[in-house]
Amino acid sequence: MKRYFLRLTTILFFLVIPLFRVLADTPLDNLPPPGPGGSGGGTPVGAPIDNGLSILLMLGASYGLWKLYKSRKQDDARSLAE
């Protein structure tokens, strides 16, 4: 079971990491030039929260799955002991 969990984790790791490159913001070099006059107010550029949120969700899901795995393993051990 440990080998299966390690394989699954490795496969998911290599499938999910490339998604971060796809979801990354475009470089700021591609911004259009400011309009004539004024201070060039344009649209404000905020901080992206998607990557951090995705990482937190993945870590939370993996922690929950780990806890589920451990609880089922303990239940199996208890049922064998009875």
N, C-alpha and C. Protein backbone atom coordinates (compact mmCIF):
# COMPACT_ATOMS: atom_id res chain seq x y z
N MET A 1 0.82 -1.18 0.00
CA MET A 1 0.00 0.00 0.00
C MET A 1 0.87 1.25 0.00
N LYS A 2 2.00 1.18 0.69
CA LYS A 2 2.90 2.33 0.74
C LYS A 2 3.46 2.63 -0.65
N ARG A 3 3.77 1.60 -1.38
CA ARG A 3 4.30 1.77 -2.74
C ARG A 3 3.25 2.40 -3.65
N TYR A 4 2.00 1.97 -3.51
CA TYR A 4 0.91 2.53 -4.31
C TYR A 4 0.72 4.01 -3.99
N PHE A 5 0.74 4.37 -2.71
CA PHE A 5 0.59 5.76 -2.29
C PHE A 5 1.73 6.62 -2.83
N LEU A 6 2.95 6.09 -2.80
CA LEU A 6 4.11 6.83 -3.31
C LEU A 6 3.99 7.05 -4.81
N ARG A 7 3.56 6.03 -5.54
CA ARG A 7 3.37 6.19 -6.99
C ARG A 7 2.30 7.21 -7.32
N LEU A 8 1.19 7.13 -6.61
CA LEU A 8 0.09 8.06 -6.85
C LEU A 8 0.52 9.49 -6.55
N THR A 9 1.23 9.68 -5.46
CA THR A 9 1.70 11.02 -5.10
C THR A 9 2.67 11.56 -6.14
N THR A 10 3.57 10.73 -6.62
CA THR A 10 4.53 11.16 -7.63
C THR A 10 3.84 11.53 -8.93
N ILE A 11 2.90 10.72 -9.36
CA ILE A 11 2.19 11.01 -10.60
C ILE A 11 1.40 12.30 -10.48
N LEU A 12 0.68 12.47 -9.37
CA LEU A 12 -0.09 13.70 -9.18
C LEU A 12 0.82 14.92 -9.10
N PHE A 13 1.98 14.77 -8.49
CA PHE A 13 2.92 15.87 -8.39
C PHE A 13 3.35 16.34 -9.78
N PHE A 14 3.70 15.41 -10.65
CA PHE A 14 4.16 15.79 -11.98
C PHE A 14 3.03 16.23 -12.90
N LEU A 15 1.80 15.89 -12.57
CA LEU A 15 0.67 16.38 -13.36
C LEU A 15 0.21 17.76 -12.92
N VAL A 16 0.39 18.09 -11.65
CA VAL A 16 -0.12 19.35 -11.11
C VAL A 16 0.89 20.48 -11.26
N ILE A 17 2.17 20.21 -11.12
CA ILE A 17 3.19 21.27 -11.18
C ILE A 17 3.15 22.02 -12.51
N PRO A 18 2.99 21.37 -13.67
CA PRO A 18 2.92 22.15 -14.92
C PRO A 18 1.72 23.09 -14.98
N LEU A 19 0.68 22.81 -14.22
CA LEU A 19 -0.48 23.70 -14.22
C LEU A 19 -0.13 25.08 -13.67
N PHE A 20 0.84 25.15 -12.77
CA PHE A 20 1.23 26.44 -12.23
C PHE A 20 1.85 27.32 -13.30
N ARG A 21 2.55 26.72 -14.26
CA ARG A 21 3.10 27.51 -15.36
C ARG A 21 1.99 28.03 -16.26
N VAL A 22 0.95 27.26 -16.43
CA VAL A 22 -0.16 27.67 -17.29
C VAL A 22 -0.96 28.79 -16.62
N LEU A 23 -1.12 28.71 -15.31
CA LEU A 23 -1.92 29.69 -14.59
C LEU A 23 -1.14 30.95 -14.22
N ALA A 24 0.14 31.01 -14.55
CA ALA A 24 0.95 32.18 -14.18
C ALA A 24 0.48 33.41 -14.95
N ASP A 25 0.69 34.56 -14.35
CA ASP A 25 0.32 35.82 -15.00
C ASP A 25 1.24 36.11 -16.17
N THR A 26 0.77 36.94 -17.09
CA THR A 26 1.59 37.35 -18.21
C THR A 26 2.63 38.35 -17.72
N PRO A 27 3.77 38.44 -18.39
CA PRO A 27 4.79 39.40 -17.96
C PRO A 27 4.31 40.84 -18.12
N LEU A 28 4.83 41.71 -17.30
CA LEU A 28 4.43 43.11 -17.33
C LEU A 28 5.00 43.84 -18.54
N ASP A 29 5.89 43.22 -19.30
CA ASP A 29 6.46 43.86 -20.48
C ASP A 29 5.43 44.03 -21.59
N ASN A 30 4.37 43.27 -21.55
CA ASN A 30 3.37 43.31 -22.62
C ASN A 30 2.25 44.31 -22.37
N LEU A 31 2.41 45.20 -21.40
CA LEU A 31 1.37 46.18 -21.12
C LEU A 31 1.32 47.22 -22.24
N PRO A 32 0.12 47.69 -22.58
CA PRO A 32 0.04 48.72 -23.61
C PRO A 32 0.57 50.04 -23.08
N PRO A 33 1.05 50.92 -23.95
CA PRO A 33 1.57 52.20 -23.49
C PRO A 33 0.44 53.06 -22.92
N PRO A 34 0.75 53.94 -21.97
CA PRO A 34 -0.29 54.78 -21.39
C PRO A 34 -0.83 55.77 -22.42
N GLY A 35 -2.07 56.20 -22.20
CA GLY A 35 -2.71 57.15 -23.11
C GLY A 35 -2.07 58.52 -23.01
N PRO A 36 -2.42 59.42 -23.92
CA PRO A 36 -1.82 60.75 -23.90
C PRO A 36 -2.32 61.56 -22.70
N GLY A 37 -1.42 62.34 -22.11
CA GLY A 37 -1.77 63.22 -21.00
C GLY A 37 -2.02 62.48 -19.71
N GLY A 38 -2.17 63.22 -18.64
CA GLY A 38 -2.46 62.63 -17.34
C GLY A 38 -1.27 61.88 -16.78
N SER A 39 -1.54 61.16 -15.73
CA SER A 39 -0.46 60.41 -15.08
C SER A 39 -0.46 58.95 -15.51
N GLY A 40 -1.27 58.59 -16.51
CA GLY A 40 -1.29 57.20 -16.97
C GLY A 40 -1.94 56.28 -15.96
N GLY A 41 -3.09 56.69 -15.43
CA GLY A 41 -3.77 55.93 -14.38
C GLY A 41 -4.04 54.49 -14.78
N GLY A 42 -4.65 54.23 -15.92
CA GLY A 42 -4.89 52.87 -16.39
C GLY A 42 -5.55 51.98 -15.35
N THR A 43 -5.50 50.71 -15.58
CA THR A 43 -6.07 49.75 -14.63
C THR A 43 -5.00 49.36 -13.62
N PRO A 44 -5.37 49.27 -12.35
CA PRO A 44 -4.38 48.90 -11.34
C PRO A 44 -4.00 47.42 -11.47
N VAL A 45 -2.76 47.11 -11.18
CA VAL A 45 -2.27 45.74 -11.23
C VAL A 45 -2.19 45.25 -9.80
N GLY A 46 -3.00 44.26 -9.48
CA GLY A 46 -3.03 43.73 -8.12
C GLY A 46 -2.15 42.51 -7.97
N ALA A 47 -2.02 42.04 -6.76
CA ALA A 47 -1.23 40.85 -6.49
C ALA A 47 -2.09 39.61 -6.77
N PRO A 48 -1.55 38.65 -7.53
CA PRO A 48 -2.33 37.43 -7.80
C PRO A 48 -2.39 36.54 -6.56
N ILE A 49 -3.58 36.04 -6.26
CA ILE A 49 -3.73 35.15 -5.10
C ILE A 49 -4.03 33.73 -5.54
N ASP A 50 -4.15 33.50 -6.82
CA ASP A 50 -4.56 32.18 -7.30
C ASP A 50 -3.52 31.11 -6.99
N ASN A 51 -2.25 31.37 -7.23
CA ASN A 51 -1.24 30.34 -7.02
C ASN A 51 -1.14 29.95 -5.55
N GLY A 52 -1.15 30.93 -4.67
CA GLY A 52 -1.08 30.61 -3.26
C GLY A 52 -2.30 29.86 -2.77
N LEU A 53 -3.45 30.25 -3.28
CA LEU A 53 -4.69 29.58 -2.90
C LEU A 53 -4.70 28.15 -3.42
N SER A 54 -4.22 27.94 -4.62
CA SER A 54 -4.16 26.58 -5.19
C SER A 54 -3.24 25.69 -4.36
N ILE A 55 -2.11 26.24 -3.96
CA ILE A 55 -1.17 25.45 -3.16
C ILE A 55 -1.80 25.09 -1.81
N LEU A 56 -2.46 26.05 -1.18
CA LEU A 56 -3.10 25.76 0.10
C LEU A 56 -4.20 24.71 -0.04
N LEU A 57 -4.98 24.79 -1.11
CA LEU A 57 -6.03 23.79 -1.32
C LEU A 57 -5.43 22.41 -1.55
N MET A 58 -4.36 22.33 -2.33
CA MET A 58 -3.71 21.03 -2.58
C MET A 58 -3.14 20.45 -1.29
N LEU A 59 -2.50 21.29 -0.49
CA LEU A 59 -1.94 20.80 0.77
C LEU A 59 -3.04 20.35 1.73
N GLY A 60 -4.13 21.10 1.78
CA GLY A 60 -5.25 20.70 2.64
C GLY A 60 -5.88 19.40 2.20
N ALA A 61 -6.05 19.23 0.90
CA ALA A 61 -6.63 17.99 0.38
C ALA A 61 -5.71 16.80 0.65
N SER A 62 -4.41 16.99 0.44
CA SER A 62 -3.48 15.88 0.68
C SER A 62 -3.42 15.53 2.17
N TYR A 63 -3.49 16.53 3.04
CA TYR A 63 -3.50 16.26 4.49
C TYR A 63 -4.77 15.49 4.87
N GLY A 64 -5.90 15.88 4.32
CA GLY A 64 -7.15 15.19 4.61
C GLY A 64 -7.12 13.74 4.13
N LEU A 65 -6.57 13.52 2.94
CA LEU A 65 -6.45 12.15 2.42
C LEU A 65 -5.51 11.33 3.28
N TRP A 66 -4.43 11.93 3.76
CA TRP A 66 -3.49 11.22 4.62
C TRP A 66 -4.17 10.81 5.92
N LYS A 67 -4.95 11.72 6.50
CA LYS A 67 -5.66 11.40 7.73
C LYS A 67 -6.69 10.28 7.50
N LEU A 68 -7.38 10.33 6.38
CA LEU A 68 -8.34 9.28 6.04
C LEU A 68 -7.64 7.93 5.88
N TYR A 69 -6.50 7.93 5.21
CA TYR A 69 -5.73 6.71 5.03
C TYR A 69 -5.31 6.13 6.38
N LYS A 70 -4.80 6.99 7.27
CA LYS A 70 -4.36 6.51 8.58
C LYS A 70 -5.51 5.98 9.42
N SER A 71 -6.68 6.64 9.35
CA SER A 71 -7.81 6.18 10.16
C SER A 71 -8.33 4.83 9.64
N ARG A 72 -8.35 4.67 8.33
CA ARG A 72 -8.78 3.37 7.79
C ARG A 72 -7.78 2.27 8.12
N LYS A 73 -6.52 2.61 8.11
CA LYS A 73 -5.50 1.62 8.45
C LYS A 73 -5.65 1.19 9.92
N GLN A 74 -5.94 2.14 10.81
CA GLN A 74 -6.14 1.82 12.22
C GLN A 74 -7.41 0.99 12.41
N ASP A 75 -8.47 1.30 11.67
CA ASP A 75 -9.71 0.52 11.77
C ASP A 75 -9.48 -0.92 11.32
N ASP A 76 -8.68 -1.11 10.26
CA ASP A 76 -8.39 -2.46 9.80
C ASP A 76 -7.59 -3.23 10.84
N ALA A 77 -6.63 -2.55 11.50
CA ALA A 77 -5.82 -3.20 12.51
C ALA A 77 -6.67 -3.59 13.72
N ARG A 78 -7.63 -2.75 14.07
CA ARG A 78 -8.52 -3.06 15.21
C ARG A 78 -9.44 -4.23 14.90
N SER A 79 -9.92 -4.28 13.66
CA SER A 79 -10.82 -5.37 13.31
C SER A 79 -10.08 -6.71 13.25
N LEU A 80 -8.80 -6.67 12.88
CA LEU A 80 -8.01 -7.91 12.88
C LEU A 80 -7.68 -8.36 14.30
N ALA A 81 -7.56 -7.40 15.22
CA ALA A 81 -7.21 -7.72 16.60
C ALA A 81 -8.39 -8.36 17.33
N GLU A 82 -9.61 -8.09 16.91
CA GLU A 82 -10.78 -8.63 17.60
C GLU A 82 -11.06 -10.02 17.25
